[in-house]
C-alpha atoms as a PDB file:
ATOM      1  CA  MET A   1     157.589 152.143  83.616  1.00  0.00           C
ATOM      2  CA  TYR A   2     160.019 149.637  82.266  1.00  0.00           C
ATOM      3  CA  ASN A   3     159.406 148.620  78.548  1.00  0.00           C
ATOM      4  CA  PRO A   4     160.572 145.015  78.059  1.00  0.00           C
ATOM      5  CA  TYR A   5     160.096 145.400  74.280  1.00  0.00           C
ATOM      6  CA  ALA A   6     162.678 148.332  74.059  1.00  0.00           C
ATOM      7  CA  VAL A   7     165.498 145.745  73.739  1.00  0.00           C
ATOM      8  CA  MET A   8     164.084 144.913  70.146  1.00  0.00           C
ATOM      9  CA  TYR A   9     164.289 148.637  69.064  1.00  0.00           C
ATOM     10  CA  ASP A  10     167.146 148.362  66.551  1.00  0.00           C
ATOM     11  CA  ALA A  11     166.305 151.644  64.685  1.00  0.00           C
ATOM     12  CA  ARG A  12     166.258 155.357  65.431  1.00  0.00           C
ATOM     13  CA  MET A  13     163.543 157.824  64.154  1.00  0.00           C
ATOM     14  CA  THR A  14     162.733 161.461  63.726  1.00  0.00           C
ATOM     15  CA  VAL A  15     159.064 162.555  64.048  1.00  0.00           C
ATOM     16  CA  LYS A  16     157.726 165.541  62.153  1.00  0.00           C
ATOM     17  CA  ARG A  17     154.338 167.127  62.081  1.00  0.00           C
ATOM     18  CA  TRP A  18     152.546 169.878  60.114  1.00  0.00           C
ATOM     19  CA  ARG A  19     151.293 172.929  61.986  1.00  0.00           C
ATOM     20  CA  GLU A  20     149.483 176.026  60.794  1.00  0.00           C
ATOM     21  CA  ILE A  21     151.331 179.438  61.020  1.00  0.00           C
ATOM     22  CA  LYS A  22     150.094 182.813  60.454  1.00  0.00           C
ATOM     23  CA  ASP A  23     152.441 185.120  58.376  1.00  0.00           C
ATOM     24  CA  GLY A  24     150.720 188.590  58.318  1.00  0.00           C
ATOM     25  CA  LYS A  25     147.650 188.204  56.226  1.00  0.00           C
ATOM     26  CA  TYR A  26     148.529 184.600  55.128  1.00  0.00           C
ATOM     27  CA  ASP A  27     148.052 181.284  56.634  1.00  0.00           C
ATOM     28  CA  ALA A  28     150.617 178.709  55.829  1.00  0.00           C
ATOM     29  CA  SER A  29     151.768 175.294  56.981  1.00  0.00           C
ATOM     30  CA  GLU A  30     155.150 174.285  58.149  1.00  0.00           C
ATOM     31  CA  LEU A  31     156.697 170.856  58.944  1.00  0.00           C
ATOM     32  CA  TYR A  32     158.636 170.943  62.298  1.00  0.00           C
ATOM     33  CA  THR A  33     160.501 168.222  64.203  1.00  0.00           C
ATOM     34  CA  VAL A  34     158.605 166.863  67.222  1.00  0.00           C
ATOM     35  CA  CYS A  35     161.424 164.559  68.416  1.00  0.00           C
ATOM     36  CA  GLU A  36     164.523 162.807  67.003  1.00  0.00           C
ATOM     37  CA  GLY A  37     166.860 160.100  67.772  1.00  0.00           C
ATOM     38  CA  MET A  38     164.054 158.114  69.292  1.00  0.00           C
ATOM     39  CA  PRO A  39     164.482 154.266  69.528  1.00  0.00           C
ATOM     40  CA  CYS A  40     161.962 152.192  67.373  1.00  0.00           C
ATOM     41  CA  ARG A  41     161.340 149.014  65.536  1.00  0.00           C
ATOM     42  CA  TYR A  42     160.208 148.924  61.836  1.00  0.00           C
ATOM     43  CA  SER A  43     158.595 145.724  60.745  1.00  0.00           C
ATOM     44  CA  SER A  44     157.269 144.601  57.396  1.00  0.00           C
ATOM     45  CA  SER A  45     153.830 143.258  57.095  1.00  0.00           C
ATOM     46  CA  GLY A  46     153.065 143.089  53.303  1.00  0.00           C
ATOM     47  CA  GLN A  47     152.931 144.807  49.950  1.00  0.00           C
ATOM     48  CA  ALA A  48     150.772 145.307  46.926  1.00  0.00           C
ATOM     49  CA  GLN A  49     151.422 146.641  43.415  1.00  0.00           C
ATOM     50  CA  THR A  50     149.131 149.473  42.325  1.00  0.00           C
ATOM     51  CA  GLY A  51     148.836 152.197  39.672  1.00  0.00           C
ATOM     52  CA  ALA A  52     148.818 152.514  35.852  1.00  0.00           C
ATOM     53  CA  PRO A  53     150.570 153.628  33.648  1.00  0.00           C
ATOM     54  CA  ASN A  54     153.310 154.299  36.298  1.00  0.00           C
ATOM     55  CA  PRO A  55     153.150 151.248  38.563  1.00  0.00           C
ATOM     56  CA  SER A  56     154.073 151.681  42.198  1.00  0.00           C
ATOM     57  CA  ILE A  57     154.513 149.348  45.179  1.00  0.00           C
ATOM     58  CA  GLN A  58     152.669 150.212  48.389  1.00  0.00           C
ATOM     59  CA  ASN A  59     154.121 148.570  51.423  1.00  0.00           C
ATOM     60  CA  SER A  60     152.257 148.006  54.601  1.00  0.00           C
ATOM     61  CA  HIS A  61     154.559 148.170  57.666  1.00  0.00           C
ATOM     62  CA  THR A  62     154.206 148.579  61.516  1.00  0.00           C
ATOM     63  CA  LEU A  63     156.333 150.912  63.593  1.00  0.00           C
ATOM     64  CA  PHE A  64     156.925 150.220  67.280  1.00  0.00           C
ATOM     65  CA  CYS A  65     158.106 152.669  69.804  1.00  0.00           C
ATOM     66  CA  GLY A  66     157.859 153.609  73.491  1.00  0.00           C
ATOM     67  CA  LEU A  67     154.897 155.355  74.952  1.00  0.00           C
ATOM     68  CA  ASP A  68     157.184 158.330  75.881  1.00  0.00           C
ATOM     69  CA  VAL A  69     157.393 159.175  71.988  1.00  0.00           C
ATOM     70  CA  ASP A  70     155.019 161.969  70.843  1.00  0.00           C
ATOM     71  CA  ILE A  71     153.699 160.290  67.672  1.00  0.00           C
ATOM     72  CA  GLN A  72     150.152 160.855  66.035  1.00  0.00           C
ATOM     73  CA  GLU A  73     148.266 159.899  62.909  1.00  0.00           C
ATOM     74  CA  GLY A  74     149.378 162.170  60.047  1.00  0.00           C
ATOM     75  CA  ASP A  75     153.025 162.546  61.128  1.00  0.00           C
ATOM     76  CA  TRP A  76     156.009 161.927  59.016  1.00  0.00           C
ATOM     77  CA  VAL A  77     158.741 159.660  60.211  1.00  0.00           C
ATOM     78  CA  THR A  78     162.357 159.260  58.971  1.00  0.00           C
ATOM     79  CA  ALA A  79     163.644 155.902  60.282  1.00  0.00           C
ATOM     80  CA  HIS A  80     167.459 155.096  60.247  1.00  0.00           C
ATOM     81  CA  LEU A  81     167.585 151.398  60.224  1.00  0.00           C
ATOM     82  CA  ARG A  82     170.534 149.355  61.808  1.00  0.00           C
ATOM     83  CA  THR A  83     171.490 148.350  58.019  1.00  0.00           C
ATOM     84  CA  GLY A  84     172.234 152.045  57.333  1.00  0.00           C
ATOM     85  CA  LYS A  85     169.068 152.375  55.064  1.00  0.00           C
ATOM     86  CA  ILE A  86     166.928 155.410  55.598  1.00  0.00           C
ATOM     87  CA  VAL A  87     163.100 155.065  55.093  1.00  0.00           C
ATOM     88  CA  GLU A  88     160.471 157.890  54.954  1.00  0.00           C
ATOM     89  CA  LEU A  89     157.092 156.916  56.392  1.00  0.00           C
ATOM     90  CA  SER A  90     153.595 158.274  56.605  1.00  0.00           C
ATOM     91  CA  VAL A  91     152.014 157.416  60.015  1.00  0.00           C
ATOM     92  CA  GLY A  92     148.544 156.035  60.019  1.00  0.00           C
ATOM     93  CA  GLU A  93     146.416 154.837  63.053  1.00  0.00           C
ATOM     94  CA  CYS A  94     148.384 154.411  66.253  1.00  0.00           C
ATOM     95  CA  HIS A  95     147.403 152.202  69.092  1.00  0.00           C
ATOM     96  CA  PRO A  96     148.819 152.555  72.557  1.00  0.00           C
ATOM     97  CA  TYR A  97     149.347 149.166  74.433  1.00  0.00           C
ATOM     98  CA  THR A  98     150.709 148.623  77.895  1.00  0.00           C
ATOM     99  CA  TYR A  99     154.406 149.172  77.081  1.00  0.00           C
ATOM    100  CA  GLN A 100     154.643 150.654  73.445  1.00  0.00           C
ATOM    101  CA  TRP A 101     152.849 152.447  70.600  1.00  0.00           C
ATOM    102  CA  GLN A 102     152.039 150.216  67.629  1.00  0.00           C
ATOM    103  CA  CYS A 103     151.532 152.448  64.482  1.00  0.00           C
ATOM    104  CA  GLU A 104     150.491 151.565  60.978  1.00  0.00           C
ATOM    105  CA  VAL A 105     152.795 153.180  58.432  1.00  0.00           C
ATOM    106  CA  LYS A 106     153.104 153.466  54.731  1.00  0.00           C
ATOM    107  CA  ARG A 107     156.131 153.781  52.449  1.00  0.00           C
ATOM    108  CA  GLU A 108     155.690 154.190  48.708  1.00  0.00           C
ATOM    109  CA  ASP A 109     158.334 153.089  46.180  1.00  0.00           C
ATOM    110  CA  ASN A 110     158.364 153.354  42.371  1.00  0.00           C
ATOM    111  CA  ALA A 111     158.670 150.083  40.583  1.00  0.00           C
END
């Protein structure tokens, strides 16, 4: 299906996910790459200052990508923006719409 919003995807992302692995007698978790180089759009929607004594800024943003991308709540995304900036994001709730995923993402920066 043709995605008319794809023309606005001006960034590329790598999606990573945790999985459980068994190593002999031990259980462990590892972060593995689900997909990389996928087109996306990273949009700012607000920020709030929190924390004491070490103040931090919590930004609330939205990530848009095609329905062909395997993305889920709890994933980690590295987005390479058109400006050259690289942002690390934690994926929250994802909503599938007719042409694209709309995912709430969080990024924490120290003030």
